[in-house]
């Protein structure tokens, strides 16, 4: 990620990173990290997969907020 991003863009990036890491582990080692962490809660595991999928769709549409455009400074 380059430049300053809003919290929404950061959450989307984190979900895509976690999803990519999980699929990389599944492909390389047949190890599902999401299942290993949340396997006892099937509904939570499913929710995480849904959120990763929604993040992938949302990433197709670039954020148009002032922070992401660089028009507004990010405050801590």
Protein backbone atom coordinates (compact mmCIF):
# COMPACT_ATOMS: atom_id res chain seq x y z
CA UNK A 1 0.00 0.00 0.00
CA UNK A 2 1.39 3.32 -0.99
CA UNK A 3 0.58 6.60 0.73
CA UNK A 4 -2.00 7.27 3.39
CA UNK A 5 -5.14 5.17 3.46
CA UNK A 6 -8.40 5.35 5.38
CA UNK A 7 -9.38 2.70 7.91
CA UNK A 8 -11.67 1.01 5.38
CA UNK A 9 -8.85 0.55 2.89
CA UNK A 10 -6.60 -0.77 5.65
CA UNK A 11 -9.22 -3.33 6.74
CA UNK A 12 -9.73 -4.46 3.14
CA UNK A 13 -5.97 -4.83 2.67
CA UNK A 14 -5.64 -6.82 5.92
CA UNK A 15 -8.47 -9.18 4.92
CA UNK A 16 -6.94 -9.73 1.48
CA UNK A 17 -3.55 -10.37 3.04
CA UNK A 18 -5.01 -12.90 5.51
CA UNK A 19 -7.01 -14.60 2.75
CA UNK A 20 -4.00 -14.80 0.46
CA UNK A 21 -1.84 -16.17 3.24
CA UNK A 22 -4.47 -18.76 4.11
CA UNK A 23 -4.83 -19.93 0.49
CA UNK A 24 -1.07 -20.05 0.10
CA UNK A 25 -0.82 -22.30 3.14
CA UNK A 26 -3.66 -24.48 1.86
CA UNK A 27 -2.02 -24.84 -1.54
CA UNK A 28 1.51 -25.43 -0.31
CA UNK A 29 0.99 -27.43 2.87
CA UNK A 30 -2.71 -28.38 2.96
CA UNK A 31 -2.96 -26.36 6.17
CA UNK A 32 -6.00 -24.13 6.66
CA UNK A 33 -5.01 -21.44 9.15
CA UNK A 34 -8.54 -20.04 9.50
CA UNK A 35 -9.86 -23.51 10.32
CA UNK A 36 -7.01 -24.11 12.75
CA UNK A 37 -7.83 -20.91 14.64
CA UNK A 38 -11.63 -20.83 14.37
CA UNK A 39 -12.47 -24.46 13.58
CA UNK A 40 -14.57 -24.85 16.72
CA UNK A 41 -16.86 -22.07 15.56
CA UNK A 42 -18.04 -22.98 12.08
CA UNK A 43 -20.18 -19.85 11.81
CA UNK A 44 -17.18 -17.61 12.59
CA UNK A 45 -15.00 -19.42 10.06
CA UNK A 46 -17.72 -18.96 7.42
CA UNK A 47 -18.05 -15.27 8.33
CA UNK A 48 -14.31 -14.76 7.84
CA UNK A 49 -14.46 -16.38 4.39
CA UNK A 50 -17.41 -14.14 3.47
CA UNK A 51 -15.56 -11.03 4.67
CA UNK A 52 -12.47 -11.96 2.65
CA UNK A 53 -14.65 -12.44 -0.43
CA UNK A 54 -16.37 -9.09 0.11
CA UNK A 55 -12.97 -7.44 0.58
CA UNK A 56 -11.86 -8.87 -2.77
CA UNK A 57 -14.92 -7.38 -4.46
CA UNK A 58 -14.49 -4.05 -2.65
CA UNK A 59 -10.84 -3.86 -3.72
CA UNK A 60 -11.99 -3.71 -7.34
CA UNK A 61 -13.54 -0.31 -6.59
CA UNK A 62 -10.84 2.05 -5.40
CA UNK A 63 -11.68 4.16 -2.37
CA UNK A 64 -12.67 7.68 -3.27
CA UNK A 65 -12.52 9.23 0.19
CA UNK A 66 -10.48 12.36 0.86
CA UNK A 67 -7.85 10.49 2.87
CA UNK A 68 -7.14 7.96 0.14
CA UNK A 69 -7.07 10.68 -2.51
CA UNK A 70 -4.53 12.60 -0.45
CA UNK A 71 -6.78 15.63 0.03
CA UNK A 72 -7.02 15.29 3.80
CA UNK A 73 -4.34 14.47 6.36
CA UNK A 74 -4.77 11.42 8.55
CA UNK A 75 -4.95 12.23 12.25
CA UNK A 76 -3.68 9.83 14.86
